[in-house]
Amino acid sequence: MQKLTFESSWEKALSVKDRNRIEQVFSETIIPKNTPAHFTLLWQALNYKKELLVTALVHNSSLQIFSFHHTGLKYIEYGKTVAEYSFTLPTLIIKPNTSMPWTFIFPTDGLYEGIKFTNGNLVIADSVI
């Protein structure tokens, strides 16, 4: 059975409102079986540096640990890639049958024109430019 966990810094800093929202989304999400990385978007924003922040639940429904080591991600809206970047995140280790929220920060050089913050999806990319 899939379980929801929080990385230690999230445990300390997450507001009750955000925790409740994450738990609600998790409880309503249908997670594909035997998939090492499936994403459910929670929210998106630009920070003061104009970097794209995409917060998502990362679901690992496989029997293996999943981590991000030079893992390319694409943020797609309406079928069009609007951001891409290769992530190495040593603190993001997702155990089997576990879901965990995470914020992915796409630097400005990996962004394209036309971000609308709607109808978005995160996918693992075969390759990232």
C-alpha atoms as a PDB file:
ATOM      1  CA  MET A   1       0.000   0.000   0.000  1.00  0.00           C
ATOM      2  CA  GLN A   2       1.241   3.477  -0.905  1.00  0.00           C
ATOM      3  CA  LYS A   3       2.124   5.743   2.027  1.00  0.00           C
ATOM      4  CA  LEU A   4       2.740   9.476   2.251  1.00  0.00           C
ATOM      5  CA  THR A   5       5.930  10.699   3.929  1.00  0.00           C
ATOM      6  CA  PHE A   6       7.613  14.071   4.362  1.00  0.00           C
ATOM      7  CA  GLU A   7      11.326  14.869   4.215  1.00  0.00           C
ATOM      8  CA  SER A   8      12.524  16.150   7.612  1.00  0.00           C
ATOM      9  CA  SER A   9      12.782  19.818   6.585  1.00  0.00           C
ATOM     10  CA  TRP A  10       9.219  19.642   5.230  1.00  0.00           C
ATOM     11  CA  GLU A  11       8.028  18.106   8.516  1.00  0.00           C
ATOM     12  CA  LYS A  12       9.337  21.157  10.371  1.00  0.00           C
ATOM     13  CA  ALA A  13       8.350  23.935   7.962  1.00  0.00           C
ATOM     14  CA  LEU A  14       5.062  22.860   6.401  1.00  0.00           C
ATOM     15  CA  SER A  15       1.984  24.826   7.435  1.00  0.00           C
ATOM     16  CA  VAL A  16      -1.106  22.982   8.639  1.00  0.00           C
ATOM     17  CA  LYS A  17      -3.030  24.328   5.632  1.00  0.00           C
ATOM     18  CA  ASP A  18      -0.447  23.018   3.138  1.00  0.00           C
ATOM     19  CA  ARG A  19      -0.142  19.684   4.927  1.00  0.00           C
ATOM     20  CA  ASN A  20      -3.912  19.233   4.800  1.00  0.00           C
ATOM     21  CA  ARG A  21      -3.964  20.094   1.099  1.00  0.00           C
ATOM     22  CA  ILE A  22      -1.151  17.619   0.355  1.00  0.00           C
ATOM     23  CA  GLU A  23      -2.858  14.875   2.356  1.00  0.00           C
ATOM     24  CA  GLN A  24      -6.162  15.555   0.557  1.00  0.00           C
ATOM     25  CA  VAL A  25      -4.534  15.399  -2.903  1.00  0.00           C
ATOM     26  CA  PHE A  26      -2.682  12.203  -1.931  1.00  0.00           C
ATOM     27  CA  SER A  27      -5.908  10.545  -0.745  1.00  0.00           C
ATOM     28  CA  GLU A  28      -7.642  11.393  -4.057  1.00  0.00           C
ATOM     29  CA  THR A  29      -4.797  10.355  -6.378  1.00  0.00           C
ATOM     30  CA  ILE A  30      -4.834   7.135  -8.353  1.00  0.00           C
ATOM     31  CA  ILE A  31      -1.196   6.059  -8.586  1.00  0.00           C
ATOM     32  CA  PRO A  32      -0.075   3.779 -11.422  1.00  0.00           C
ATOM     33  CA  LYS A  33       1.343   0.477 -10.166  1.00  0.00           C
ATOM     34  CA  ASN A  34       5.024  -0.471 -10.501  1.00  0.00           C
ATOM     35  CA  THR A  35       6.114   3.023 -11.527  1.00  0.00           C
ATOM     36  CA  PRO A  36       9.339   4.443 -10.027  1.00  0.00           C
ATOM     37  CA  ALA A  37       8.367   8.075 -10.588  1.00  0.00           C
ATOM     38  CA  HIS A  38       4.921   9.475 -11.197  1.00  0.00           C
ATOM     39  CA  PHE A  39       4.043  13.081 -10.367  1.00  0.00           C
ATOM     40  CA  THR A  40       0.909  14.790  -9.095  1.00  0.00           C
ATOM     41  CA  LEU A  41       1.189  18.569  -9.298  1.00  0.00           C
ATOM     42  CA  LEU A  42       0.293  20.591  -6.231  1.00  0.00           C
ATOM     43  CA  TRP A  43       1.212  24.170  -7.201  1.00  0.00           C
ATOM     44  CA  GLN A  44       3.568  26.255  -9.354  1.00  0.00           C
ATOM     45  CA  ALA A  45       5.066  29.746  -9.002  1.00  0.00           C
ATOM     46  CA  LEU A  46       7.939  31.986 -10.017  1.00  0.00           C
ATOM     47  CA  ASN A  47      10.343  33.071  -7.285  1.00  0.00           C
ATOM     48  CA  TYR A  48      12.104  36.423  -6.982  1.00  0.00           C
ATOM     49  CA  LYS A  49      14.878  35.163  -9.316  1.00  0.00           C
ATOM     50  CA  LYS A  50      12.235  34.321 -11.972  1.00  0.00           C
ATOM     51  CA  GLU A  51      12.929  30.590 -11.508  1.00  0.00           C
ATOM     52  CA  LEU A  52       9.997  28.230 -11.883  1.00  0.00           C
ATOM     53  CA  LEU A  53       9.046  26.355  -8.724  1.00  0.00           C
ATOM     54  CA  VAL A  54       6.918  23.271  -9.286  1.00  0.00           C
ATOM     55  CA  THR A  55       5.700  21.488  -6.182  1.00  0.00           C
ATOM     56  CA  ALA A  56       4.472  17.959  -6.730  1.00  0.00           C
ATOM     57  CA  LEU A  57       3.882  14.678  -5.015  1.00  0.00           C
ATOM     58  CA  VAL A  58       6.474  12.222  -6.272  1.00  0.00           C
ATOM     59  CA  HIS A  59       5.046   8.705  -6.213  1.00  0.00           C
ATOM     60  CA  ASN A  60       7.274   5.639  -6.245  1.00  0.00           C
ATOM     61  CA  SER A  61       5.033   2.599  -6.593  1.00  0.00           C
ATOM     62  CA  SER A  62       7.885   0.289  -7.548  1.00  0.00           C
ATOM     63  CA  LEU A  63       9.767  -2.126  -5.302  1.00  0.00           C
ATOM     64  CA  GLN A  64      13.043  -0.191  -5.697  1.00  0.00           C
ATOM     65  CA  ILE A  65      14.311   3.000  -4.056  1.00  0.00           C
ATOM     66  CA  PHE A  66      14.101   5.976  -6.444  1.00  0.00           C
ATOM     67  CA  SER A  67      16.457   8.959  -6.362  1.00  0.00           C
ATOM     68  CA  PHE A  68      17.252  11.894  -8.609  1.00  0.00           C
ATOM     69  CA  HIS A  69      20.772  11.657 -10.022  1.00  0.00           C
ATOM     70  CA  HIS A  70      21.109  13.594 -13.282  1.00  0.00           C
ATOM     71  CA  THR A  71      17.413  12.971 -13.825  1.00  0.00           C
ATOM     72  CA  GLY A  72      15.883  15.115 -16.532  1.00  0.00           C
ATOM     73  CA  LEU A  73      12.463  16.577 -15.840  1.00  0.00           C
ATOM     74  CA  LYS A  74      10.161  18.481 -18.133  1.00  0.00           C
ATOM     75  CA  TYR A  75       7.324  20.711 -17.024  1.00  0.00           C
ATOM     76  CA  ILE A  76       4.654  20.594 -19.719  1.00  0.00           C
ATOM     77  CA  GLU A  77       1.560  22.755 -20.164  1.00  0.00           C
ATOM     78  CA  TYR A  78      -1.072  22.019 -22.811  1.00  0.00           C
ATOM     79  CA  GLY A  79       1.267  19.477 -24.413  1.00  0.00           C
ATOM     80  CA  LYS A  80       4.152  21.958 -24.775  1.00  0.00           C
ATOM     81  CA  THR A  81       7.425  21.813 -22.804  1.00  0.00           C
ATOM     82  CA  VAL A  82       7.806  25.125 -20.969  1.00  0.00           C
ATOM     83  CA  ALA A  83      10.670  24.154 -18.637  1.00  0.00           C
ATOM     84  CA  GLU A  84      13.315  21.445 -18.478  1.00  0.00           C
ATOM     85  CA  TYR A  85      16.284  20.709 -16.276  1.00  0.00           C
ATOM     86  CA  SER A  86      18.469  17.836 -15.094  1.00  0.00           C
ATOM     87  CA  PHE A  87      18.155  17.351 -11.323  1.00  0.00           C
ATOM     88  CA  THR A  88      20.578  15.783  -8.870  1.00  0.00           C
ATOM     89  CA  LEU A  89      18.927  15.836  -5.454  1.00  0.00           C
ATOM     90  CA  PRO A  90      20.850  13.813  -2.848  1.00  0.00           C
ATOM     91  CA  THR A  91      18.251  14.412  -0.124  1.00  0.00           C
ATOM     92  CA  LEU A  92      15.308  13.234  -2.239  1.00  0.00           C
ATOM     93  CA  ILE A  93      15.261   9.468  -1.799  1.00  0.00           C
ATOM     94  CA  ILE A  94      11.876   7.867  -2.206  1.00  0.00           C
ATOM     95  CA  LYS A  95      11.398   4.446  -0.722  1.00  0.00           C
ATOM     96  CA  PRO A  96       9.293   1.779  -2.443  1.00  0.00           C
ATOM     97  CA  ASN A  97       5.514   2.327  -2.302  1.00  0.00           C
ATOM     98  CA  THR A  98       6.005   5.841  -0.977  1.00  0.00           C
ATOM     99  CA  SER A  99       4.868   9.288  -2.045  1.00  0.00           C
ATOM    100  CA  MET A 100       6.645  12.462  -0.992  1.00  0.00           C
ATOM    101  CA  PRO A 101       6.096  16.142  -1.778  1.00  0.00           C
ATOM    102  CA  TRP A 102       8.982  18.074  -3.324  1.00  0.00           C
ATOM    103  CA  THR A 103       9.577  21.443  -4.939  1.00  0.00           C
ATOM    104  CA  PHE A 104      11.588  21.322  -8.150  1.00  0.00           C
ATOM    105  CA  ILE A 105      13.321  24.589  -9.051  1.00  0.00           C
ATOM    106  CA  PHE A 106      13.828  25.122 -12.768  1.00  0.00           C
ATOM    107  CA  PRO A 107      16.521  27.776 -13.385  1.00  0.00           C
ATOM    108  CA  THR A 108      15.720  30.633 -15.749  1.00  0.00           C
ATOM    109  CA  ASP A 109      17.968  29.208 -18.494  1.00  0.00           C
ATOM    110  CA  GLY A 110      15.724  26.131 -18.673  1.00  0.00           C
ATOM    111  CA  LEU A 111      12.482  28.091 -19.094  1.00  0.00           C
ATOM    112  CA  TYR A 112      10.620  28.826 -22.298  1.00  0.00           C
ATOM    113  CA  GLU A 113       8.097  31.513 -23.133  1.00  0.00           C
ATOM    114  CA  GLY A 114       4.459  31.159 -22.318  1.00  0.00           C
ATOM    115  CA  ILE A 115       4.145  29.667 -18.829  1.00  0.00           C
ATOM    116  CA  LYS A 116       0.468  29.855 -17.860  1.00  0.00           C
ATOM    117  CA  PHE A 117       0.523  27.891 -14.551  1.00  0.00           C
ATOM    118  CA  THR A 118      -2.442  25.785 -15.696  1.00  0.00           C
ATOM    119  CA  ASN A 119      -2.877  22.297 -17.127  1.00  0.00           C
ATOM    120  CA  GLY A 120       0.689  21.427 -16.091  1.00  0.00           C
ATOM    121  CA  ASN A 121       2.417  18.092 -15.762  1.00  0.00           C
ATOM    122  CA  LEU A 122       5.880  16.895 -14.755  1.00  0.00           C
ATOM    123  CA  VAL A 123       7.477  14.035 -16.644  1.00  0.00           C
ATOM    124  CA  ILE A 124      10.855  12.358 -16.621  1.00  0.00           C
ATOM    125  CA  ALA A 125      12.647  13.274 -19.826  1.00  0.00           C
ATOM    126  CA  ASP A 126      14.686  10.859 -21.903  1.00  0.00           C
ATOM    127  CA  SER A 127      17.126  13.693 -22.427  1.00  0.00           C
ATOM    128  CA  VAL A 128      17.301  17.331 -21.394  1.00  0.00           C
ATOM    129  CA  ILE A 129      19.030  20.027 -23.383  1.00  0.00           C
END
